[in-house]
């Protein structure tokens, strides 16, 4: 009996995630025109973060700088990869 209940719950979760995923794609396609503005904003905020993280008077810890570089890579690599795929 517990196996049947678990199977039903797993199937319902999968169907629910599929519906949310489909709705998310439709919703995000409406916001496609904001992509360049959001990328520019992300670049500006990353630049400010690098200035604040590497200035002399208030040095950030190694962990914070590692987190900053990780955020920069996760923010900048996907759009650059897409641009490289179209240009290359």
PDB file of N, CA and C in Angstrom:
ATOM      1  N   UNK A   1       0.816  -1.191   0.000  1.00  0.00           N
ATOM      2  CA  UNK A   1       0.000   0.000   0.000  1.00  0.00           C
ATOM      3  C   UNK A   1       0.866   1.264   0.000  1.00  0.00           C
ATOM      4  N   UNK A   2       1.949   1.242   0.773  1.00  0.00           N
ATOM      5  CA  UNK A   2       2.826   2.411   0.846  1.00  0.00           C
ATOM      6  C   UNK A   2       3.530   2.628  -0.486  1.00  0.00           C
ATOM      7  N   UNK A   3       3.836   1.533  -1.188  1.00  0.00           N
ATOM      8  CA  UNK A   3       4.482   1.644  -2.496  1.00  0.00           C
ATOM      9  C   UNK A   3       3.590   2.327  -3.515  1.00  0.00           C
ATOM     10  N   UNK A   4       2.308   2.003  -3.472  1.00  0.00           N
ATOM     11  CA  UNK A   4       1.355   2.622  -4.395  1.00  0.00           C
ATOM     12  C   UNK A   4       1.232   4.115  -4.098  1.00  0.00           C
ATOM     13  N   UNK A   5       1.163   4.476  -2.839  1.00  0.00           N
ATOM     14  CA  UNK A   5       1.064   5.881  -2.450  1.00  0.00           C
ATOM     15  C   UNK A   5       2.317   6.651  -2.878  1.00  0.00           C
ATOM     16  N   UNK A   6       3.471   6.045  -2.675  1.00  0.00           N
ATOM     17  CA  UNK A   6       4.723   6.685  -3.066  1.00  0.00           C
ATOM     18  C   UNK A   6       4.776   6.883  -4.581  1.00  0.00           C
ATOM     19  N   UNK A   7       4.322   5.899  -5.336  1.00  0.00           N
ATOM     20  CA  UNK A   7       4.318   6.004  -6.799  1.00  0.00           C
ATOM     21  C   UNK A   7       3.383   7.116  -7.262  1.00  0.00           C
ATOM     22  N   UNK A   8       2.216   7.224  -6.666  1.00  0.00           N
ATOM     23  CA  UNK A   8       1.272   8.281  -7.032  1.00  0.00           C
ATOM     24  C   UNK A   8       1.855   9.645  -6.708  1.00  0.00           C
ATOM     25  N   UNK A   9       2.484   9.782  -5.542  1.00  0.00           N
ATOM     26  CA  UNK A   9       3.077  11.061  -5.169  1.00  0.00           C
ATOM     27  C   UNK A   9       4.239  11.432  -6.099  1.00  0.00           C
ATOM     28  N   UNK A  10       5.031  10.463  -6.498  1.00  0.00           N
ATOM     29  CA  UNK A  10       6.131  10.741  -7.428  1.00  0.00           C
ATOM     30  C   UNK A  10       5.597  11.188  -8.787  1.00  0.00           C
ATOM     31  N   UNK A  11       4.572  10.533  -9.264  1.00  0.00           N
ATOM     32  CA  UNK A  11       3.998  10.900 -10.557  1.00  0.00           C
ATOM     33  C   UNK A  11       3.361  12.281 -10.484  1.00  0.00           C
ATOM     34  N   UNK A  12       2.672  12.582  -9.396  1.00  0.00           N
ATOM     35  CA  UNK A  12       2.048  13.897  -9.251  1.00  0.00           C
ATOM     36  C   UNK A  12       3.108  14.985  -9.178  1.00  0.00           C
ATOM     37  N   UNK A  13       4.209  14.727  -8.496  1.00  0.00           N
ATOM     38  CA  UNK A  13       5.293  15.702  -8.426  1.00  0.00           C
ATOM     39  C   UNK A  13       5.916  15.965  -9.780  1.00  0.00           C
ATOM     40  N   UNK A  14       6.115  14.924 -10.557  1.00  0.00           N
ATOM     41  CA  UNK A  14       6.691  15.075 -11.890  1.00  0.00           C
ATOM     42  C   UNK A  14       5.774  15.861 -12.804  1.00  0.00           C
ATOM     43  N   UNK A  15       4.491  15.547 -12.764  1.00  0.00           N
ATOM     44  CA  UNK A  15       3.525  16.278 -13.593  1.00  0.00           C
ATOM     45  C   UNK A  15       3.462  17.739 -13.143  1.00  0.00           C
ATOM     46  N   UNK A  16       3.474  17.982 -11.854  1.00  0.00           N
ATOM     47  CA  UNK A  16       3.457  19.354 -11.341  1.00  0.00           C
ATOM     48  C   UNK A  16       4.673  20.148 -11.783  1.00  0.00           C
ATOM     49  N   UNK A  17       5.851  19.528 -11.705  1.00  0.00           N
ATOM     50  CA  UNK A  17       7.061  20.211 -12.162  1.00  0.00           C
ATOM     51  C   UNK A  17       7.035  20.464 -13.663  1.00  0.00           C
ATOM     52  N   UNK A  18       6.493  19.543 -14.415  1.00  0.00           N
ATOM     53  CA  UNK A  18       6.390  19.740 -15.863  1.00  0.00           C
ATOM     54  C   UNK A  18       5.476  20.912 -16.184  1.00  0.00           C
ATOM     55  N   UNK A  19       4.374  21.026 -15.481  1.00  0.00           N
ATOM     56  CA  UNK A  19       3.452  22.146 -15.720  1.00  0.00           C
ATOM     57  C   UNK A  19       4.081  23.478 -15.324  1.00  0.00           C
ATOM     58  N   UNK A  20       4.783  23.490 -14.214  1.00  0.00           N
ATOM     59  CA  UNK A  20       5.455  24.715 -13.795  1.00  0.00           C
ATOM     60  C   UNK A  20       6.561  25.062 -14.783  1.00  0.00           C
ATOM     61  N   UNK A  21       7.289  24.066 -15.263  1.00  0.00           N
ATOM     62  CA  UNK A  21       8.349  24.311 -16.240  1.00  0.00           C
ATOM     63  C   UNK A  21       7.803  24.864 -17.539  1.00  0.00           C
ATOM     64  N   UNK A  22       6.702  24.334 -18.011  1.00  0.00           N
ATOM     65  CA  UNK A  22       6.092  24.831 -19.244  1.00  0.00           C
ATOM     66  C   UNK A  22       5.597  26.256 -19.064  1.00  0.00           C
ATOM     67  N   UNK A  23       4.956  26.523 -17.960  1.00  0.00           N
ATOM     68  CA  UNK A  23       4.509  27.886 -17.680  1.00  0.00           C
ATOM     69  C   UNK A  23       5.674  28.842 -17.536  1.00  0.00           C
ATOM     70  N   UNK A  24       6.785  28.371 -16.959  1.00  0.00           N
ATOM     71  CA  UNK A  24       7.969  29.212 -16.816  1.00  0.00           C
ATOM     72  C   UNK A  24       8.577  29.584 -18.154  1.00  0.00           C
ATOM     73  N   UNK A  25       8.550  28.656 -19.099  1.00  0.00           N
ATOM     74  CA  UNK A  25       9.075  28.953 -20.434  1.00  0.00           C
ATOM     75  C   UNK A  25       8.217  29.991 -21.124  1.00  0.00           C
ATOM     76  N   UNK A  26       6.909  29.855 -21.024  1.00  0.00           N
ATOM     77  CA  UNK A  26       6.006  30.830 -21.638  1.00  0.00           C
ATOM     78  C   UNK A  26       6.187  32.191 -20.985  1.00  0.00           C
ATOM     79  N   UNK A  27       6.295  32.228 -19.670  1.00  0.00           N
ATOM     80  CA  UNK A  27       6.462  33.486 -18.954  1.00  0.00           C
ATOM     81  C   UNK A  27       7.793  34.139 -19.286  1.00  0.00           C
ATOM     82  N   UNK A  28       8.865  33.350 -19.337  1.00  0.00           N
ATOM     83  CA  UNK A  28      10.181  33.927 -19.609  1.00  0.00           C
ATOM     84  C   UNK A  28      10.309  34.408 -21.047  1.00  0.00           C
ATOM     85  N   UNK A  29       9.552  33.836 -21.979  1.00  0.00           N
ATOM     86  CA  UNK A  29       9.616  34.319 -23.355  1.00  0.00           C
ATOM     87  C   UNK A  29       9.042  35.726 -23.469  1.00  0.00           C
ATOM     88  N   UNK A  30       8.145  36.084 -22.575  1.00  0.00           N
ATOM     89  CA  UNK A  30       7.597  37.445 -22.578  1.00  0.00           C
ATOM     90  C   UNK A  30       8.621  38.461 -22.075  1.00  0.00           C
ATOM     91  N   UNK A  31       9.591  38.008 -21.301  1.00  0.00           N
ATOM     92  CA  UNK A  31      10.601  38.903 -20.736  1.00  0.00           C
ATOM     93  C   UNK A  31      11.919  38.877 -21.516  1.00  0.00           C
ATOM     94  N   UNK A  32      11.916  38.331 -22.704  1.00  0.00           N
ATOM     95  CA  UNK A  32      13.129  38.211 -23.511  1.00  0.00           C
ATOM     96  C   UNK A  32      13.743  39.576 -23.818  1.00  0.00           C
ATOM     97  N   UNK A  33      12.919  40.599 -23.995  1.00  0.00           N
ATOM     98  CA  UNK A  33      13.435  41.916 -24.339  1.00  0.00           C
ATOM     99  C   UNK A  33      14.246  42.548 -23.219  1.00  0.00           C
ATOM    100  N   UNK A  34      14.120  42.051 -21.976  1.00  0.00           N
ATOM    101  CA  UNK A  34      14.867  42.615 -20.850  1.00  0.00           C
ATOM    102  C   UNK A  34      16.253  42.016 -20.701  1.00  0.00           C
ATOM    103  N   UNK A  35      16.592  40.989 -21.460  1.00  0.00           N
ATOM    104  CA  UNK A  35      17.868  40.297 -21.285  1.00  0.00           C
ATOM    105  C   UNK A  35      19.082  41.213 -21.399  1.00  0.00           C
ATOM    106  N   UNK A  36      19.201  42.060 -22.428  1.00  0.00           N
ATOM    107  CA  UNK A  36      20.389  42.924 -22.490  1.00  0.00           C
ATOM    108  C   UNK A  36      20.496  43.885 -21.306  1.00  0.00           C
ATOM    109  N   UNK A  37      19.359  44.394 -20.852  1.00  0.00           N
ATOM    110  CA  UNK A  37      19.378  45.310 -19.708  1.00  0.00           C
ATOM    111  C   UNK A  37      19.786  44.590 -18.423  1.00  0.00           C
ATOM    112  N   UNK A  38      19.288  43.380 -18.238  1.00  0.00           N
ATOM    113  CA  UNK A  38      19.649  42.618 -17.048  1.00  0.00           C
ATOM    114  C   UNK A  38      21.116  42.197 -17.069  1.00  0.00           C
ATOM    115  N   UNK A  39      21.638  41.858 -18.245  1.00  0.00           N
ATOM    116  CA  UNK A  39      23.064  41.535 -18.347  1.00  0.00           C
ATOM    117  C   UNK A  39      23.927  42.755 -18.069  1.00  0.00           C
ATOM    118  N   UNK A  40      23.515  43.912 -18.558  1.00  0.00           N
ATOM    119  CA  UNK A  40      24.268  45.140 -18.280  1.00  0.00           C
ATOM    120  C   UNK A  40      24.239  45.462 -16.788  1.00  0.00           C
ATOM    121  N   UNK A  41      23.081  45.310 -16.161  1.00  0.00           N
ATOM    122  CA  UNK A  41      22.971  45.546 -14.728  1.00  0.00           C
ATOM    123  C   UNK A  41      23.839  44.572 -13.938  1.00  0.00           C
ATOM    124  N   UNK A  42      23.846  43.308 -14.341  1.00  0.00           N
ATOM    125  CA  UNK A  42      24.685  42.313 -13.665  1.00  0.00           C
ATOM    126  C   UNK A  42      26.162  42.665 -13.817  1.00  0.00           C
ATOM    127  N   UNK A  43      26.566  43.127 -15.003  1.00  0.00           N
ATOM    128  CA  UNK A  43      27.962  43.520 -15.208  1.00  0.00           C
ATOM    129  C   UNK A  43      28.347  44.709 -14.356  1.00  0.00           C
ATOM    130  N   UNK A  44      27.465  45.692 -14.251  1.00  0.00           N
ATOM    131  CA  UNK A  44      27.742  46.870 -13.418  1.00  0.00           C
ATOM    132  C   UNK A  44      27.857  46.474 -11.945  1.00  0.00           C
ATOM    133  N   UNK A  45      26.950  45.633 -11.478  1.00  0.00           N
ATOM    134  CA  UNK A  45      27.001  45.205 -10.083  1.00  0.00           C
ATOM    135  C   UNK A  45      28.233  44.352  -9.795  1.00  0.00           C
ATOM    136  N   UNK A  46      28.647  43.532 -10.758  1.00  0.00           N
ATOM    137  CA  UNK A  46      29.883  42.766 -10.578  1.00  0.00           C
ATOM    138  C   UNK A  46      31.097  43.682 -10.534  1.00  0.00           C
ATOM    139  N   UNK A  47      31.119  44.701 -11.385  1.00  0.00           N
ATOM    140  CA  UNK A  47      32.244  45.648 -11.370  1.00  0.00           C
ATOM    141  C   UNK A  47      32.330  46.366 -10.026  1.00  0.00           C
ATOM    142  N   UNK A  48      31.192  46.795  -9.490  1.00  0.00           N
ATOM    143  CA  UNK A  48      31.182  47.444  -8.180  1.00  0.00           C
ATOM    144  C   UNK A  48      31.664  46.478  -7.102  1.00  0.00           C
ATOM    145  N   UNK A  49      31.250  45.218  -7.199  1.00  0.00           N
ATOM    146  CA  UNK A  49      31.670  44.216  -6.222  1.00  0.00           C
ATOM    147  C   UNK A  49      33.171  43.981  -6.277  1.00  0.00           C
ATOM    148  N   UNK A  50      33.741  43.951  -7.483  1.00  0.00           N
ATOM    149  CA  UNK A  50      35.183  43.776  -7.597  1.00  0.00           C
ATOM    150  C   UNK A  50      35.928  44.975  -7.023  1.00  0.00           C
ATOM    151  N   UNK A  51      35.431  46.182  -7.264  1.00  0.00           N
ATOM    152  CA  UNK A  51      36.073  47.373  -6.704  1.00  0.00           C
ATOM    153  C   UNK A  51      36.046  47.322  -5.183  1.00  0.00           C
ATOM    154  N   UNK A  52      34.898  47.002  -4.629  1.00  0.00           N
ATOM    155  CA  UNK A  52      34.779  46.946  -3.174  1.00  0.00           C
ATOM    156  C   UNK A  52      35.560  45.777  -2.574  1.00  0.00           C
ATOM    157  N   UNK A  53      35.664  44.687  -3.288  1.00  0.00           N
ATOM    158  CA  UNK A  53      36.364  43.515  -2.769  1.00  0.00           C
ATOM    159  C   UNK A  53      37.867  43.596  -2.851  1.00  0.00           C
ATOM    160  N   UNK A  54      38.392  44.415  -3.758  1.00  0.00           N
ATOM    161  CA  UNK A  54      39.832  44.471  -3.961  1.00  0.00           C
ATOM    162  C   UNK A  54      40.456  45.824  -3.631  1.00  0.00           C
ATOM    163  N   UNK A  55      39.711  46.758  -3.091  1.00  0.00           N
ATOM    164  CA  UNK A  55      40.339  48.027  -2.741  1.00  0.00           C
ATOM    165  C   UNK A  55      41.220  47.834  -1.516  1.00  0.00           C
ATOM    166  N   UNK A  56      42.171  48.718  -1.348  1.00  0.00           N
ATOM    167  CA  UNK A  56      43.200  48.541  -0.322  1.00  0.00           C
ATOM    168  C   UNK A  56      42.692  48.635   1.112  1.00  0.00           C
ATOM    169  N   UNK A  57      41.847  49.585   1.401  1.00  0.00           N
ATOM    170  CA  UNK A  57      41.526  49.836   2.809  1.00  0.00           C
ATOM    171  C   UNK A  57      40.623  48.766   3.430  1.00  0.00           C
ATOM    172  N   UNK A  58      39.804  48.112   2.696  1.00  0.00           N
ATOM    173  CA  UNK A  58      38.909  47.106   3.272  1.00  0.00           C
ATOM    174  C   UNK A  58      39.006  45.792   2.529  1.00  0.00           C
ATOM    175  N   UNK A  59      40.079  45.052   2.726  1.00  0.00           N
ATOM    176  CA  UNK A  59      40.290  43.822   1.973  1.00  0.00           C
ATOM    177  C   UNK A  59      39.307  42.741   2.418  1.00  0.00           C
ATOM    178  N   UNK A  60      38.699  42.117   1.448  1.00  0.00           N
ATOM    179  CA  UNK A  60      37.749  41.032   1.725  1.00  0.00           C
ATOM    180  C   UNK A  60      38.516  39.735   1.957  1.00  0.00           C
ATOM    181  N   UNK A  61      37.893  38.804   2.623  1.00  0.00           N
ATOM    182  CA  UNK A  61      38.538  37.525   2.894  1.00  0.00           C
ATOM    183  C   UNK A  61      38.637  36.690   1.610  1.00  0.00           C
ATOM    184  N   UNK A  62      39.434  35.661   1.677  1.00  0.00           N
ATOM    185  CA  UNK A  62      39.621  34.793   0.505  1.00  0.00           C
ATOM    186  C   UNK A  62      38.324  34.119   0.096  1.00  0.00           C
ATOM    187  N   UNK A  63      37.522  33.743   1.066  1.00  0.00           N
ATOM    188  CA  UNK A  63      36.252  33.088   0.761  1.00  0.00           C
ATOM    189  C   UNK A  63      35.293  34.007   0.022  1.00  0.00           C
ATOM    190  N   UNK A  64      35.257  35.268   0.441  1.00  0.00           N
ATOM    191  CA  UNK A  64      34.377  36.237  -0.227  1.00  0.00           C
ATOM    192  C   UNK A  64      34.859  36.482  -1.653  1.00  0.00           C
ATOM    193  N   UNK A  65      36.191  36.592  -1.827  1.00  0.00           N
ATOM    194  CA  UNK A  65      36.706  36.803  -3.183  1.00  0.00           C
ATOM    195  C   UNK A  65      36.475  35.585  -4.064  1.00  0.00           C
ATOM    196  N   UNK A  66      36.586  34.387  -3.516  1.00  0.00           N
ATOM    197  CA  UNK A  66      36.301  33.174  -4.289  1.00  0.00           C
ATOM    198  C   UNK A  66      34.828  33.141  -4.697  1.00  0.00           C
ATOM    199  N   UNK A  67      33.952  33.545  -3.793  1.00  0.00           N
ATOM    200  CA  UNK A  67      32.527  33.611  -4.103  1.00  0.00           C
ATOM    201  C   UNK A  67      32.240  34.664  -5.171  1.00  0.00           C
ATOM    202  N   UNK A  68      32.966  35.780  -5.128  1.00  0.00           N
ATOM    203  CA  UNK A  68      32.813  36.821  -6.132  1.00  0.00           C
ATOM    204  C   UNK A  68      33.238  36.332  -7.509  1.00  0.00           C
ATOM    205  N   UNK A  69      34.363  35.638  -7.589  1.00  0.00           N
ATOM    206  CA  UNK A  69      34.821  35.101  -8.881  1.00  0.00           C
ATOM    207  C   UNK A  69      33.866  34.029  -9.399  1.00  0.00           C
ATOM    208  N   UNK A  70      33.316  33.215  -8.508  1.00  0.00           N
ATOM    209  CA  UNK A  70      32.341  32.205  -8.918  1.00  0.00           C
ATOM    210  C   UNK A  70      31.090  32.862  -9.479  1.00  0.00           C
ATOM    211  N   UNK A  71      30.619  33.898  -8.811  1.00  0.00           N
ATOM    212  CA  UNK A  71      29.436  34.618  -9.302  1.00  0.00           C
ATOM    213  C   UNK A  71      29.726  35.261 -10.653  1.00  0.00           C
ATOM    214  N   UNK A  72      30.937  35.808 -10.816  1.00  0.00           N
ATOM    215  CA  UNK A  72      31.284  36.429 -12.100  1.00  0.00           C
ATOM    216  C   UNK A  72      31.298  35.389 -13.217  1.00  0.00           C
ATOM    217  N   UNK A  73      31.867  34.233 -12.952  1.00  0.00           N
ATOM    218  CA  UNK A  73      31.905  33.181 -13.981  1.00  0.00           C
ATOM    219  C   UNK A  73      30.512  32.682 -14.317  1.00  0.00           C
ATOM    220  N   UNK A  74      29.689  32.461 -13.294  1.00  0.00           N
ATOM    221  CA  UNK A  74      28.336  31.966 -13.538  1.00  0.00           C
ATOM    222  C   UNK A  74      27.463  33.008 -14.238  1.00  0.00           C
ATOM    223  N   UNK A  75      27.799  34.283 -14.093  1.00  0.00           N
ATOM    224  CA  UNK A  75      27.020  35.331 -14.727  1.00  0.00           C
ATOM    225  C   UNK A  75      27.471  35.596 -16.155  1.00  0.00           C
ATOM    226  N   UNK A  76      28.773  35.567 -16.410  1.00  0.00           N
ATOM    227  CA  UNK A  76      29.295  36.004 -17.694  1.00  0.00           C
ATOM    228  C   UNK A  76      29.554  34.889 -18.700  1.00  0.00           C
ATOM    229  N   UNK A  77      29.823  33.686 -18.252  1.00  0.00           N
ATOM    230  CA  UNK A  77      30.154  32.601 -19.193  1.00  0.00           C
ATOM    231  C   UNK A  77      28.970  32.189 -20.072  1.00  0.00           C
ATOM    232  N   UNK A  78      27.761  31.986 -19.556  1.00  0.00           N
ATOM    233  CA  UNK A  78      26.669  31.564 -20.457  1.00  0.00           C
ATOM    234  C   UNK A  78      26.362  32.540 -21.592  1.00  0.00           C
ATOM    235  N   UNK A  79      26.256  33.856 -21.345  1.00  0.00           N
ATOM    236  CA  UNK A  79      26.001  34.736 -22.488  1.00  0.00           C
ATOM    237  C   UNK A  79      27.157  34.783 -23.479  1.00  0.00           C
ATOM    238  N   UNK A  80      28.387  34.692 -22.971  1.00  0.00           N
ATOM    239  CA  UNK A  80      29.542  34.681 -23.877  1.00  0.00           C
ATOM    240  C   UNK A  80      29.582  33.400 -24.697  1.00  0.00           C
ATOM    241  N   UNK A  81      29.189  32.282 -24.112  1.00  0.00           N
ATOM    242  CA  UNK A  81      29.155  31.014 -24.853  1.00  0.00           C
ATOM    243  C   UNK A  81      28.111  31.069 -25.954  1.00  0.00           C
ATOM    244  N   UNK A  82      26.960  31.664 -25.678  1.00  0.00           N
ATOM    245  CA  UNK A  82      25.920  31.798 -26.691  1.00  0.00           C
ATOM    246  C   UNK A  82      26.393  32.697 -27.815  1.00  0.00           C
ATOM    247  N   UNK A  83      27.033  33.822 -27.459  1.00  0.00           N
ATOM    248  CA  UNK A  83      27.536  34.733 -28.494  1.00  0.00           C
ATOM    249  C   UNK A  83      28.607  34.057 -29.324  1.00  0.00           C
ATOM    250  N   UNK A  84      29.471  33.264 -28.691  1.00  0.00           N
ATOM    251  CA  UNK A  84      30.540  32.574 -29.415  1.00  0.00           C
ATOM    252  C   UNK A  84      29.939  31.527 -30.361  1.00  0.00           C
ATOM    253  N   UNK A  85      28.868  30.861 -29.935  1.00  0.00           N
ATOM    254  CA  UNK A  85      28.226  29.866 -30.787  1.00  0.00           C
ATOM    255  C   UNK A  85      27.622  30.512 -32.036  1.00  0.00           C
ATOM    256  N   UNK A  86      27.046  31.696 -31.895  1.00  0.00           N
ATOM    257  CA  UNK A  86      26.472  32.383 -33.046  1.00  0.00           C
ATOM    258  C   UNK A  86      27.526  32.983 -33.952  1.00  0.00           C
ATOM    259  N   UNK A  87      28.627  33.468 -33.367  1.00  0.00           N
ATOM    260  CA  UNK A  87      29.662  34.107 -34.168  1.00  0.00           C
ATOM    261  C   UNK A  87      30.645  33.120 -34.766  1.00  0.00           C
ATOM    262  N   UNK A  88      30.798  31.987 -34.106  1.00  0.00           N
ATOM    263  CA  UNK A  88      31.806  31.012 -34.534  1.00  0.00           C
ATOM    264  C   UNK A  88      31.285  30.048 -35.483  1.00  0.00           C
TER     265      UNK A  88
END
